[in-house]
Amino acid sequence: MLLHDAVWVLPAQDGTREALEWLADEIVEQGGTALVWEAESLAATQDKELVARFRAEADERYLALAAAAEEVFRQASRRSLGGSASLTQPLRRLRVLERTLRLERRRDWFRAPSYSAADAAIADAIRRLEGLRERTVKGEGHALDH
């Protein structure tokens, strides 16, 4: 008998258990079927492999956020000839990346090492873009302003 369409693996913590139970209730209320199981692997090596996989996937997400922040800054700095108003939307996008990073951190159960670099990259992109906006407002942004 096929019992599942999807299997999710999360650490056995109070928060994850509660979230899965809440999700299962929602699925059942919508007419679906959901089972929440707690399982243990039979080998410590499997546990280590799972933790490594969790960290690797979180690292990928962090690196993607850092790269996105740099790309937003790069594109915005090229378009800043339009004045400080042209930098408003890129700053909003960076703030969204900042919030996304916080959400990713909440699901980073095993504290992947790339978080700090992503946090720094996003903060740096925001700082540089705000600085560029200030210089553009003062008329110091580009040679065309002189």
C-alpha atoms as a PDB file:
ATOM      1  CA  MET A   1       0.000   0.000   0.000  1.00  0.00           C
ATOM      2  CA  LEU A   2       1.388   3.413  -0.980  1.00  0.00           C
ATOM      3  CA  LEU A   3       0.966   5.607   2.051  1.00  0.00           C
ATOM      4  CA  HIS A   4       2.522   8.883   1.032  1.00  0.00           C
ATOM      5  CA  ASP A   5       2.797  11.483  -1.677  1.00  0.00           C
ATOM      6  CA  ALA A   6       5.423  13.395   0.248  1.00  0.00           C
ATOM      7  CA  VAL A   7       7.647  12.830   3.230  1.00  0.00           C
ATOM      8  CA  TRP A   8       9.216  15.682   5.149  1.00  0.00           C
ATOM      9  CA  VAL A   9      12.106  15.257   7.550  1.00  0.00           C
ATOM     10  CA  LEU A  10      12.528  17.775  10.341  1.00  0.00           C
ATOM     11  CA  PRO A  11      14.348  17.653  13.648  1.00  0.00           C
ATOM     12  CA  ALA A  12      12.274  16.372  16.568  1.00  0.00           C
ATOM     13  CA  GLN A  13      11.861  19.643  18.426  1.00  0.00           C
ATOM     14  CA  ASP A  14       8.810  21.070  20.152  1.00  0.00           C
ATOM     15  CA  GLY A  15       8.461  23.858  17.570  1.00  0.00           C
ATOM     16  CA  THR A  16       8.669  21.587  14.546  1.00  0.00           C
ATOM     17  CA  ARG A  17       6.323  19.043  16.070  1.00  0.00           C
ATOM     18  CA  GLU A  18       3.762  21.731  16.880  1.00  0.00           C
ATOM     19  CA  ALA A  19       4.033  23.247  13.401  1.00  0.00           C
ATOM     20  CA  LEU A  20       3.548  19.860  11.735  1.00  0.00           C
ATOM     21  CA  GLU A  21       0.559  19.026  13.925  1.00  0.00           C
ATOM     22  CA  TRP A  22      -1.000  22.382  13.060  1.00  0.00           C
ATOM     23  CA  LEU A  23      -0.343  21.778   9.352  1.00  0.00           C
ATOM     24  CA  ALA A  24      -1.806  18.269   9.565  1.00  0.00           C
ATOM     25  CA  ASP A  25      -4.962  19.684  11.164  1.00  0.00           C
ATOM     26  CA  GLU A  26      -5.267  22.234   8.354  1.00  0.00           C
ATOM     27  CA  ILE A  27      -4.854  19.536   5.706  1.00  0.00           C
ATOM     28  CA  VAL A  28      -7.510  17.331   7.323  1.00  0.00           C
ATOM     29  CA  GLU A  29      -9.899  20.307   7.620  1.00  0.00           C
ATOM     30  CA  GLN A  30      -9.510  20.820   3.861  1.00  0.00           C
ATOM     31  CA  GLY A  31     -10.426  17.179   3.192  1.00  0.00           C
ATOM     32  CA  GLY A  32      -6.932  15.784   2.842  1.00  0.00           C
ATOM     33  CA  THR A  33      -5.036  13.160   4.757  1.00  0.00           C
ATOM     34  CA  ALA A  34      -2.029  13.922   6.903  1.00  0.00           C
ATOM     35  CA  LEU A  35       0.000  11.795   9.269  1.00  0.00           C
ATOM     36  CA  VAL A  36       2.651  13.079  11.631  1.00  0.00           C
ATOM     37  CA  TRP A  37       5.189  10.471  12.642  1.00  0.00           C
ATOM     38  CA  GLU A  38       8.248  10.642  14.775  1.00  0.00           C
ATOM     39  CA  ALA A  39      11.060   8.367  13.674  1.00  0.00           C
ATOM     40  CA  GLU A  40      14.680   7.706  14.475  1.00  0.00           C
ATOM     41  CA  SER A  41      17.357   6.571  12.100  1.00  0.00           C
ATOM     42  CA  LEU A  42      19.062   3.297  12.808  1.00  0.00           C
ATOM     43  CA  ALA A  43      22.587   4.609  12.339  1.00  0.00           C
ATOM     44  CA  ALA A  44      24.476   7.632  13.601  1.00  0.00           C
ATOM     45  CA  THR A  45      26.008   8.038  10.148  1.00  0.00           C
ATOM     46  CA  GLN A  46      22.524   8.603   8.715  1.00  0.00           C
ATOM     47  CA  ASP A  47      21.907  11.305  11.312  1.00  0.00           C
ATOM     48  CA  LYS A  48      25.169  13.009  10.349  1.00  0.00           C
ATOM     49  CA  GLU A  49      24.312  12.778   6.666  1.00  0.00           C
ATOM     50  CA  LEU A  50      20.893  14.328   7.278  1.00  0.00           C
ATOM     51  CA  VAL A  51      22.390  17.184   9.299  1.00  0.00           C
ATOM     52  CA  ALA A  52      24.976  17.762   6.554  1.00  0.00           C
ATOM     53  CA  ARG A  53      22.211  17.833   3.964  1.00  0.00           C
ATOM     54  CA  PHE A  54      20.145  20.309   5.994  1.00  0.00           C
ATOM     55  CA  ARG A  55      23.188  22.574   6.297  1.00  0.00           C
ATOM     56  CA  ALA A  56      24.110  22.262   2.620  1.00  0.00           C
ATOM     57  CA  GLU A  57      20.589  23.177   1.504  1.00  0.00           C
ATOM     58  CA  ALA A  58      20.494  26.134   3.894  1.00  0.00           C
ATOM     59  CA  ASP A  59      23.909  27.248   2.629  1.00  0.00           C
ATOM     60  CA  GLU A  60      22.560  27.205  -0.945  1.00  0.00           C
ATOM     61  CA  ARG A  61      19.637  29.392   0.054  1.00  0.00           C
ATOM     62  CA  TYR A  62      21.913  31.808   1.939  1.00  0.00           C
ATOM     63  CA  LEU A  63      24.345  32.065  -0.963  1.00  0.00           C
ATOM     64  CA  ALA A  64      21.455  32.714  -3.357  1.00  0.00           C
ATOM     65  CA  LEU A  65      20.198  35.539  -1.124  1.00  0.00           C
ATOM     66  CA  ALA A  66      23.684  37.082  -0.956  1.00  0.00           C
ATOM     67  CA  ALA A  67      24.033  36.874  -4.737  1.00  0.00           C
ATOM     68  CA  ALA A  68      20.581  38.412  -5.214  1.00  0.00           C
ATOM     69  CA  ALA A  69      21.512  41.328  -2.950  1.00  0.00           C
ATOM     70  CA  GLU A  70      24.678  41.971  -4.927  1.00  0.00           C
ATOM     71  CA  GLU A  71      22.741  41.798  -8.200  1.00  0.00           C
ATOM     72  CA  VAL A  72      20.129  44.273  -6.932  1.00  0.00           C
ATOM     73  CA  PHE A  73      22.896  46.675  -5.933  1.00  0.00           C
ATOM     74  CA  ARG A  74      24.772  46.236  -9.228  1.00  0.00           C
ATOM     75  CA  GLN A  75      21.672  46.921 -11.333  1.00  0.00           C
ATOM     76  CA  ALA A  76      20.561  49.838  -9.158  1.00  0.00           C
ATOM     77  CA  SER A  77      23.962  51.505  -9.234  1.00  0.00           C
ATOM     78  CA  ARG A  78      23.877  51.422 -13.055  1.00  0.00           C
ATOM     79  CA  ARG A  79      20.394  52.971 -13.112  1.00  0.00           C
ATOM     80  CA  SER A  80      21.061  55.603 -10.449  1.00  0.00           C
ATOM     81  CA  LEU A  81      21.468  58.247 -13.168  1.00  0.00           C
ATOM     82  CA  GLY A  82      17.691  58.594 -12.867  1.00  0.00           C
ATOM     83  CA  GLY A  83      18.135  60.144  -9.424  1.00  0.00           C
ATOM     84  CA  SER A  84      17.395  58.947  -5.924  1.00  0.00           C
ATOM     85  CA  ALA A  85      13.798  58.009  -6.821  1.00  0.00           C
ATOM     86  CA  SER A  86      15.154  55.266  -9.109  1.00  0.00           C
ATOM     87  CA  LEU A  87      16.782  53.715  -6.022  1.00  0.00           C
ATOM     88  CA  THR A  88      13.589  53.397  -3.991  1.00  0.00           C
ATOM     89  CA  GLN A  89      12.462  50.114  -5.556  1.00  0.00           C
ATOM     90  CA  PRO A  90      15.885  48.427  -5.289  1.00  0.00           C
ATOM     91  CA  LEU A  91      16.048  49.401  -1.615  1.00  0.00           C
ATOM     92  CA  ARG A  92      12.633  47.818  -1.109  1.00  0.00           C
ATOM     93  CA  ARG A  93      13.871  44.660  -2.824  1.00  0.00           C
ATOM     94  CA  LEU A  94      16.878  44.561  -0.506  1.00  0.00           C
ATOM     95  CA  ARG A  95      14.590  44.922   2.516  1.00  0.00           C
ATOM     96  CA  VAL A  96      12.557  41.974   1.205  1.00  0.00           C
ATOM     97  CA  LEU A  97      15.780  39.966   0.939  1.00  0.00           C
ATOM     98  CA  GLU A  98      16.587  40.971   4.511  1.00  0.00           C
ATOM     99  CA  ARG A  99      13.204  39.660   5.720  1.00  0.00           C
ATOM    100  CA  THR A 100      13.615  36.518   3.640  1.00  0.00           C
ATOM    101  CA  LEU A 101      16.980  35.915   5.296  1.00  0.00           C
ATOM    102  CA  ARG A 102      15.355  36.139   8.734  1.00  0.00           C
ATOM    103  CA  LEU A 103      12.722  33.601   7.653  1.00  0.00           C
ATOM    104  CA  GLU A 104      15.403  31.293   6.277  1.00  0.00           C
ATOM    105  CA  ARG A 105      17.251  31.510   9.586  1.00  0.00           C
ATOM    106  CA  ARG A 106      14.122  30.281  11.380  1.00  0.00           C
ATOM    107  CA  ARG A 107      14.158  27.082   9.337  1.00  0.00           C
ATOM    108  CA  ASP A 108      17.921  26.627   9.494  1.00  0.00           C
ATOM    109  CA  TRP A 109      17.742  23.982  12.205  1.00  0.00           C
ATOM    110  CA  PHE A 110      21.455  23.184  12.245  1.00  0.00           C
ATOM    111  CA  ARG A 111      22.933  26.643  11.749  1.00  0.00           C
ATOM    112  CA  ALA A 112      24.580  26.509   8.349  1.00  0.00           C
ATOM    113  CA  PRO A 113      27.812  28.486   8.186  1.00  0.00           C
ATOM    114  CA  SER A 114      26.856  30.737   5.239  1.00  0.00           C
ATOM    115  CA  TYR A 115      24.275  32.693   7.229  1.00  0.00           C
ATOM    116  CA  SER A 116      26.808  35.251   8.466  1.00  0.00           C
ATOM    117  CA  ALA A 117      28.117  35.907   4.968  1.00  0.00           C
ATOM    118  CA  ALA A 118      24.581  36.334   3.588  1.00  0.00           C
ATOM    119  CA  ASP A 119      23.632  38.644   6.436  1.00  0.00           C
ATOM    120  CA  ALA A 120      26.743  40.743   5.831  1.00  0.00           C
ATOM    121  CA  ALA A 121      26.196  40.819   2.050  1.00  0.00           C
ATOM    122  CA  ILE A 122      22.618  42.038   2.361  1.00  0.00           C
ATOM    123  CA  ALA A 123      23.478  44.607   5.027  1.00  0.00           C
ATOM    124  CA  ASP A 124      26.407  45.830   2.907  1.00  0.00           C
ATOM    125  CA  ALA A 125      24.245  46.137  -0.217  1.00  0.00           C
ATOM    126  CA  ILE A 126      21.682  48.166   1.750  1.00  0.00           C
ATOM    127  CA  ARG A 127      24.390  50.388   3.225  1.00  0.00           C
ATOM    128  CA  ARG A 128      26.033  50.998  -0.169  1.00  0.00           C
ATOM    129  CA  LEU A 129      22.718  51.682  -1.893  1.00  0.00           C
ATOM    130  CA  GLU A 130      21.629  54.099   0.828  1.00  0.00           C
ATOM    131  CA  GLY A 131      24.986  55.843   0.465  1.00  0.00           C
ATOM    132  CA  LEU A 132      24.534  56.026  -3.291  1.00  0.00           C
ATOM    133  CA  ARG A 133      21.058  57.486  -2.797  1.00  0.00           C
ATOM    134  CA  GLU A 134      22.422  60.150  -0.438  1.00  0.00           C
ATOM    135  CA  ARG A 135      25.159  61.104  -2.903  1.00  0.00           C
ATOM    136  CA  THR A 136      22.622  61.202  -5.745  1.00  0.00           C
ATOM    137  CA  VAL A 137      20.316  63.479  -3.742  1.00  0.00           C
ATOM    138  CA  LYS A 138      23.271  65.821  -3.088  1.00  0.00           C
ATOM    139  CA  GLY A 139      24.173  65.781  -6.773  1.00  0.00           C
ATOM    140  CA  GLU A 140      27.402  63.890  -6.217  1.00  0.00           C
ATOM    141  CA  GLY A 141      26.313  60.589  -7.712  1.00  0.00           C
ATOM    142  CA  HIS A 142      27.766  60.805 -11.212  1.00  0.00           C
ATOM    143  CA  ALA A 143      30.008  62.863 -13.428  1.00  0.00           C
ATOM    144  CA  LEU A 144      26.905  63.964 -15.339  1.00  0.00           C
ATOM    145  CA  ASP A 145      25.775  65.834 -12.235  1.00  0.00           C
ATOM    146  CA  HIS A 146      28.886  68.058 -12.180  1.00  0.00           C
END
